Amino acid sequence: MSYPAVAKAILVSRAGGPEALELVDVPVGDPGPGEVVVRVRAAGVNPVDVKIRKGTRGDIASPIRLGSDAAGEVVGVGEGAPFAVGDEVIGWGQPGTYADYVTGPANRWTRKPAGVTFEQGAALGVPASTAYQSLKSLALGDGETLLVHAGAGAVGEAAVQFATLWGATVVATASEKNHAKLRALGAVPVTYGDGLLDRVRQAAPQGVDKVLDPAGTQEAIEVSLALVVDPARVVELVVPDWAAEYGVTVFSGGLPGSMTPEVIAVRDESIPITAQLIADGRFAVELGPSFPLAEAAEAHRLIETGHPGGKIVLLP
């Protein structure tokens, strides 16, 4: 096993803007039983990372290492871990992946298929698992119609692809510039804004059975509730309080009890499944700009100010 004693990592020790991100030296822990050390080749940047940095997902009482999604190479293996040095892997739910090395449980990693790049692997964790688990929890089935808000976002694009693979008809909201992309993924695109309800009804004259809302806007929730028979058929991903206010279904770390062990198990099964779909040419990941680890603050600024689209990754 060969890895350094010290790694570079991004952490935040106070709530604030992108300038609160610090590049520091951290020890690379030796792997214990069931653990691995991974040389990170790409790390996904997610909106939840921005919320953690801002302090809106809990107080920052002590320094927090950011990141949860990554892809890389195994360089150290603890007793009982089902990997070998040199294995290429994809990780999700592994704290501290804004780093060039990370040590953690082997069950947070799966083998990366040869046809998947490190950048694609790092882009999967939060978006793919969220979309997959939400639609599985809705029991979306063949022949049903799904409305996806913010269809051109990372979660939205994943949801469109899972739903169409499972035989559903998908209507997805997006700006007009993203309509061609959504059509290519199998969705019927509609432009959000005034008159959205009528446009959705025109696009889905058969009616809408279920809704996934990664947008969290007032427009999205009002249109969703006007379309479905039962508000529980709307999965809300942004505003946890709407579970109590409207009766919609919420899966969020911000809503205690919503992320049950059963829900987490479904999220976990999504990553190897999605990685294989990519390798088989049946699932696409749109990649956006990439940044060196030391420029993580620029990646956060881009997420907050808007960018042309695609998943942002760090390349340690």
Protein backbone atom coordinates (compact mmCIF):
# COMPACT_ATOMS: atom_id res chain seq x y z
CA MET A 1 0.00 0.00 0.00
CA SER A 2 1.34 3.41 -0.95
CA TYR A 3 -0.13 6.75 0.01
CA PRO A 4 1.19 9.89 1.68
CA ALA A 5 0.85 10.69 5.36
CA VAL A 6 -0.68 14.07 4.55
CA ALA A 7 -3.31 15.09 2.00
CA LYS A 8 -4.66 18.38 0.72
CA ALA A 9 -8.33 18.96 1.57
CA ILE A 10 -10.93 21.71 1.53
CA LEU A 11 -12.67 22.49 4.80
CA VAL A 12 -14.88 25.21 6.24
CA SER A 13 -14.56 26.38 9.84
CA ARG A 14 -17.02 29.27 9.75
CA ALA A 15 -20.23 29.98 7.85
CA GLY A 16 -19.72 32.38 4.99
CA GLY A 17 -19.21 32.92 1.29
CA PRO A 18 -16.92 30.97 -1.01
CA GLU A 19 -13.96 32.71 0.61
CA ALA A 20 -14.69 30.66 3.76
CA LEU A 21 -13.31 27.56 2.01
CA GLU A 22 -9.79 26.71 3.16
CA LEU A 23 -7.19 24.49 1.50
CA VAL A 24 -5.35 22.73 4.31
CA ASP A 25 -3.13 19.77 5.07
CA VAL A 26 -4.89 16.86 6.78
CA PRO A 27 -3.58 13.46 7.88
CA VAL A 28 -4.36 10.47 5.66
CA GLY A 29 -5.65 7.88 8.07
CA ASP A 30 -4.60 4.26 7.66
CA PRO A 31 -7.52 2.03 6.70
CA GLY A 32 -9.11 0.10 9.53
CA PRO A 33 -11.14 -3.10 9.09
CA GLY A 34 -13.57 -2.71 6.21
CA GLU A 35 -12.01 0.60 5.09
CA VAL A 36 -10.08 1.82 2.06
CA VAL A 37 -7.85 4.74 1.17
CA VAL A 38 -8.75 6.26 -2.20
CA ARG A 39 -6.68 8.60 -4.36
CA VAL A 40 -9.39 11.01 -5.51
CA ARG A 41 -9.28 11.73 -9.24
CA ALA A 42 -12.52 13.74 -9.39
CA ALA A 43 -14.94 15.05 -6.77
CA GLY A 44 -18.49 16.16 -7.40
CA VAL A 45 -19.64 19.61 -6.27
CA ASN A 46 -23.26 19.65 -5.07
CA PRO A 47 -25.66 22.41 -4.00
CA VAL A 48 -25.81 20.84 -0.53
CA ASP A 49 -22.08 21.59 -0.16
CA VAL A 50 -22.92 25.28 -0.62
CA LYS A 51 -25.65 25.03 2.05
CA ILE A 52 -23.19 23.43 4.48
CA ARG A 53 -20.66 26.19 3.82
CA LYS A 54 -23.30 28.85 4.43
CA GLY A 55 -24.37 27.21 7.67
CA THR A 56 -27.94 26.62 6.48
CA ARG A 57 -27.66 22.84 7.04
CA GLY A 58 -26.62 23.15 10.67
CA ASP A 59 -24.17 25.16 12.74
CA ILE A 60 -20.47 24.85 11.99
CA ALA A 61 -19.29 24.07 15.51
CA SER A 62 -15.96 22.62 14.32
CA PRO A 63 -14.15 22.48 10.97
CA ILE A 64 -16.01 20.42 8.36
CA ARG A 65 -14.35 18.70 5.42
CA LEU A 66 -16.59 19.20 2.40
CA GLY A 67 -17.68 16.81 -0.33
CA SER A 68 -19.44 13.46 -0.48
CA ASP A 69 -19.12 12.21 -4.09
CA ALA A 70 -15.93 11.15 -5.85
CA ALA A 71 -14.17 8.69 -8.12
CA GLY A 72 -10.60 7.51 -7.92
CA GLU A 73 -8.19 4.65 -7.30
CA VAL A 74 -7.83 2.43 -4.25
CA VAL A 75 -4.35 2.86 -2.74
CA GLY A 76 -4.88 1.26 0.65
CA VAL A 77 -7.05 -1.65 1.83
CA GLY A 78 -8.07 -2.53 5.37
CA GLU A 79 -8.80 -6.04 6.59
CA GLY A 80 -11.98 -7.43 5.06
CA ALA A 81 -12.50 -4.64 2.53
CA PRO A 82 -13.59 -6.13 -0.83
CA PHE A 83 -11.12 -4.19 -2.97
CA ALA A 84 -7.51 -4.42 -4.11
CA VAL A 85 -4.92 -1.71 -4.58
CA GLY A 86 -5.36 -0.29 -8.07
CA ASP A 87 -9.12 -0.82 -8.29
CA GLU A 88 -10.92 2.16 -9.83
CA VAL A 89 -13.95 3.11 -7.77
CA ILE A 90 -16.91 5.47 -7.47
CA GLY A 91 -17.85 6.84 -4.06
CA TRP A 92 -20.97 8.45 -2.62
CA GLY A 93 -21.93 9.55 0.87
CA GLN A 94 -18.23 9.56 1.78
CA PRO A 95 -17.48 12.70 3.83
CA GLY A 96 -14.48 14.79 2.88
CA THR A 97 -14.09 14.07 -0.83
CA TYR A 98 -12.89 17.61 -1.59
CA ALA A 99 -9.38 16.16 -1.14
CA ASP A 100 -6.66 14.32 -3.01
CA TYR A 101 -6.85 11.33 -0.65
CA VAL A 102 -9.69 10.11 1.56
CA THR A 103 -10.03 7.20 4.00
CA GLY A 104 -13.42 5.69 4.74
CA PRO A 105 -15.76 2.70 4.74
CA ALA A 106 -15.48 0.41 1.73
CA ASN A 107 -19.28 0.18 1.51
CA ARG A 108 -19.31 3.81 0.35
CA TRP A 109 -17.47 2.75 -2.81
CA THR A 110 -18.28 0.59 -5.82
CA ARG A 111 -16.11 -0.52 -8.73
CA LYS A 112 -16.06 1.89 -11.65
CA PRO A 113 -16.89 0.22 -14.97
CA ALA A 114 -14.20 0.66 -17.61
CA GLY A 115 -16.54 2.68 -19.83
CA VAL A 116 -17.12 5.36 -17.18
CA THR A 117 -14.71 8.28 -16.69
CA PHE A 118 -13.65 9.52 -13.27
CA GLU A 119 -15.56 12.76 -13.91
CA GLN A 120 -18.75 10.87 -14.75
CA GLY A 121 -18.37 8.72 -11.67
CA ALA A 122 -17.90 11.73 -9.42
CA ALA A 123 -21.04 13.30 -10.88
CA LEU A 124 -23.37 10.47 -9.83
CA GLY A 125 -23.73 10.43 -6.05
CA VAL A 126 -26.27 13.05 -4.98
CA PRO A 127 -28.12 13.61 -8.28
CA ALA A 128 -28.49 9.98 -9.39
CA SER A 129 -29.31 8.60 -5.95
CA THR A 130 -31.84 11.37 -5.27
CA ALA A 131 -33.66 10.90 -8.56
CA TYR A 132 -33.60 7.09 -8.43
CA GLN A 133 -34.76 6.83 -4.82
CA SER A 134 -37.48 9.47 -5.23
CA LEU A 135 -39.01 7.71 -8.23
CA LYS A 136 -38.70 4.28 -6.60
CA SER A 137 -40.41 5.66 -3.50
CA LEU A 138 -43.19 7.03 -5.71
CA ALA A 139 -43.48 3.54 -7.23
CA LEU A 140 -43.40 5.14 -10.67
CA GLY A 141 -44.49 2.52 -13.16
CA ASP A 142 -44.83 1.68 -16.82
CA GLY A 143 -47.52 3.77 -18.51
CA GLU A 144 -47.67 6.52 -15.87
CA THR A 145 -47.00 10.20 -16.53
CA LEU A 146 -44.40 12.04 -14.47
CA LEU A 147 -43.89 15.81 -14.24
CA VAL A 148 -40.31 16.82 -13.43
CA HIS A 149 -39.66 20.42 -12.44
CA ALA A 150 -36.20 21.84 -13.19
CA GLY A 151 -35.73 19.06 -15.72
CA ALA A 152 -32.42 20.41 -17.03
CA GLY A 153 -30.71 20.26 -13.64
CA ALA A 154 -28.58 17.30 -12.57
CA VAL A 155 -31.38 15.66 -10.53
CA GLY A 156 -33.94 16.47 -13.21
CA GLU A 157 -31.90 14.95 -16.04
CA ALA A 158 -31.34 11.78 -14.01
CA ALA A 159 -35.05 11.54 -13.20
CA VAL A 160 -36.05 11.96 -16.84
CA GLN A 161 -33.76 9.10 -17.85
CA PHE A 162 -34.80 6.70 -15.08
CA ALA A 163 -38.48 7.39 -15.71
CA THR A 164 -38.26 6.81 -19.46
CA LEU A 165 -36.21 3.65 -18.92
CA TRP A 166 -39.02 2.39 -16.68
CA GLY A 167 -41.68 3.09 -19.32
CA ALA A 168 -43.16 6.34 -18.02
CA THR A 169 -44.09 9.40 -20.05
CA VAL A 170 -42.19 12.46 -18.80
CA VAL A 171 -43.05 16.15 -19.00
CA ALA A 172 -40.18 18.36 -17.81
CA THR A 173 -40.02 22.08 -17.11
CA ALA A 174 -37.01 24.06 -18.29
CA SER A 175 -35.98 27.24 -20.06
CA GLU A 176 -36.42 27.08 -23.81
CA LYS A 177 -32.67 26.84 -24.42
CA ASN A 178 -32.70 23.41 -22.71
CA HIS A 179 -35.68 21.95 -24.57
CA ALA A 180 -33.65 20.16 -27.24
CA LYS A 181 -31.53 18.47 -24.57
CA LEU A 182 -34.61 17.24 -22.73
CA ARG A 183 -36.20 15.93 -25.92
CA ALA A 184 -33.03 13.97 -26.59
CA LEU A 185 -33.35 12.41 -23.12
CA GLY A 186 -36.93 11.38 -23.84
CA ALA A 187 -38.99 14.11 -22.15
CA VAL A 188 -41.66 16.48 -23.44
CA PRO A 189 -40.28 19.90 -22.44
CA VAL A 190 -42.40 22.86 -21.33
CA THR A 191 -41.24 26.35 -20.41
CA TYR A 192 -41.77 27.44 -16.83
CA GLY A 193 -43.35 30.82 -15.99
CA ASP A 194 -46.81 32.31 -16.42
CA GLY A 195 -49.24 29.81 -17.91
CA LEU A 196 -47.23 26.74 -16.87
CA LEU A 197 -50.29 24.81 -15.67
CA ASP A 198 -52.02 25.12 -19.04
CA ARG A 199 -48.85 24.14 -20.90
CA VAL A 200 -48.42 21.02 -18.79
CA ARG A 201 -52.05 20.03 -19.33
CA GLN A 202 -51.60 20.49 -23.07
CA ALA A 203 -48.41 18.39 -23.04
CA ALA A 204 -50.08 15.67 -20.93
CA PRO A 205 -53.77 15.54 -21.89
CA GLN A 206 -53.91 12.11 -20.23
CA GLY A 207 -53.15 13.77 -16.90
CA VAL A 208 -50.18 13.71 -14.54
CA ASP A 209 -49.85 10.82 -12.10
CA LYS A 210 -46.80 11.85 -10.09
CA VAL A 211 -44.43 14.81 -9.69
CA LEU A 212 -40.77 15.27 -8.76
CA ASP A 213 -39.87 18.81 -7.67
CA PRO A 214 -36.16 19.66 -7.40
CA ALA A 215 -37.01 23.35 -7.98
CA GLY A 216 -38.79 24.33 -4.78
CA THR A 217 -40.53 27.38 -6.24
CA GLN A 218 -44.04 28.54 -5.40
CA GLU A 219 -44.97 28.10 -9.04
CA ALA A 220 -43.79 24.49 -9.00
CA ILE A 221 -45.73 23.49 -5.88
CA GLU A 222 -48.94 25.24 -6.96
CA VAL A 223 -48.90 23.64 -10.41
CA SER A 224 -48.05 20.23 -8.94
CA LEU A 225 -50.93 20.28 -6.47
CA ALA A 226 -53.34 21.35 -9.20
CA LEU A 227 -52.39 18.33 -11.31
CA VAL A 228 -52.29 15.33 -8.95
CA VAL A 229 -55.14 13.62 -7.15
CA ASP A 230 -53.15 13.01 -3.96
CA PRO A 231 -50.51 15.53 -2.74
CA ALA A 232 -48.43 12.62 -1.41
CA ARG A 233 -47.70 11.82 -5.07
CA VAL A 234 -45.56 14.96 -5.20
CA VAL A 235 -41.97 14.46 -4.03
CA GLU A 236 -40.47 17.76 -2.85
CA LEU A 237 -36.69 17.96 -2.59
CA VAL A 238 -36.01 21.58 -1.64
CA VAL A 239 -38.52 22.84 0.95
CA PRO A 240 -38.96 20.33 3.81
CA ASP A 241 -41.66 22.44 5.50
CA TRP A 242 -44.04 21.77 2.60
CA ALA A 243 -44.60 18.24 3.94
CA ALA A 244 -46.59 19.68 6.82
CA GLU A 245 -48.03 22.61 4.88
CA TYR A 246 -49.24 20.82 1.76
CA GLY A 247 -49.08 17.09 2.52
CA VAL A 248 -46.45 16.38 -0.11
CA THR A 249 -43.73 13.75 0.32
CA VAL A 250 -40.33 15.07 1.33
CA PHE A 251 -36.97 13.28 1.36
CA SER A 252 -34.39 15.59 2.88
CA GLY A 253 -31.64 15.69 5.45
CA GLY A 254 -33.45 18.83 6.63
CA LEU A 255 -36.56 16.86 7.60
CA PRO A 256 -35.85 14.46 10.49
CA GLY A 257 -37.15 10.97 9.85
CA SER A 258 -37.52 11.30 6.08
CA MET A 259 -34.22 9.55 5.32
CA THR A 260 -35.08 6.16 6.82
CA PRO A 261 -32.73 3.16 6.53
CA GLU A 262 -34.98 1.81 3.77
CA VAL A 263 -34.74 5.07 1.81
CA ILE A 264 -30.97 5.16 2.23
CA ALA A 265 -30.68 1.55 1.01
CA VAL A 266 -32.54 2.45 -2.19
CA ARG A 267 -30.28 5.47 -2.71
CA ASP A 268 -27.21 3.27 -2.27
CA GLU A 269 -28.32 0.68 -4.82
CA SER A 270 -28.65 3.40 -7.46
CA ILE A 271 -24.93 4.11 -7.88
CA PRO A 272 -23.67 0.77 -9.27
CA ILE A 273 -26.85 0.50 -11.35
CA THR A 274 -26.39 3.96 -12.86
CA ALA A 275 -22.67 3.45 -13.47
CA GLN A 276 -23.40 0.30 -15.45
CA LEU A 277 -26.12 2.08 -17.44
CA ILE A 278 -23.54 4.70 -18.43
CA ALA A 279 -21.08 2.00 -19.48
CA ASP A 280 -23.84 0.38 -21.55
CA GLY A 281 -24.68 3.66 -23.29
CA ARG A 282 -28.16 3.85 -21.74
CA PHE A 283 -27.65 6.81 -19.39
CA ALA A 284 -25.92 10.16 -19.94
CA VAL A 285 -24.25 12.51 -17.48
CA GLU A 286 -23.86 16.11 -18.57
CA LEU A 287 -20.52 17.44 -17.35
CA GLY A 288 -19.92 21.13 -16.79
CA PRO A 289 -16.80 23.09 -15.84
CA SER A 290 -14.03 21.51 -13.79
CA PHE A 291 -11.66 23.18 -11.35
CA PRO A 292 -8.46 22.24 -9.52
CA LEU A 293 -8.98 21.44 -5.85
CA ALA A 294 -7.36 24.73 -4.84
CA GLU A 295 -10.07 26.60 -6.78
CA ALA A 296 -13.04 25.07 -4.97
CA ALA A 297 -14.21 28.58 -4.08
CA GLU A 298 -14.59 29.37 -7.79
CA ALA A 299 -16.69 26.24 -8.21
CA HIS A 300 -18.97 27.39 -5.39
CA ARG A 301 -19.27 30.88 -6.89
CA LEU A 302 -20.31 29.35 -10.18
CA ILE A 303 -23.03 27.25 -8.56
CA GLU A 304 -24.41 30.32 -6.80
CA THR A 305 -24.30 32.69 -9.76
CA GLY A 306 -25.42 30.26 -12.44
CA HIS A 307 -23.48 28.54 -15.22
CA PRO A 308 -24.10 27.08 -18.68
CA GLY A 309 -25.09 23.72 -17.25
CA GLY A 310 -23.63 20.32 -16.45
CA LYS A 311 -22.11 18.87 -13.32
CA ILE A 312 -19.22 20.81 -11.79
CA VAL A 313 -16.32 18.67 -10.56
CA LEU A 314 -13.02 19.27 -8.79
CA LEU A 315 -9.89 17.59 -10.13
CA PRO A 316 -7.38 17.12 -7.27
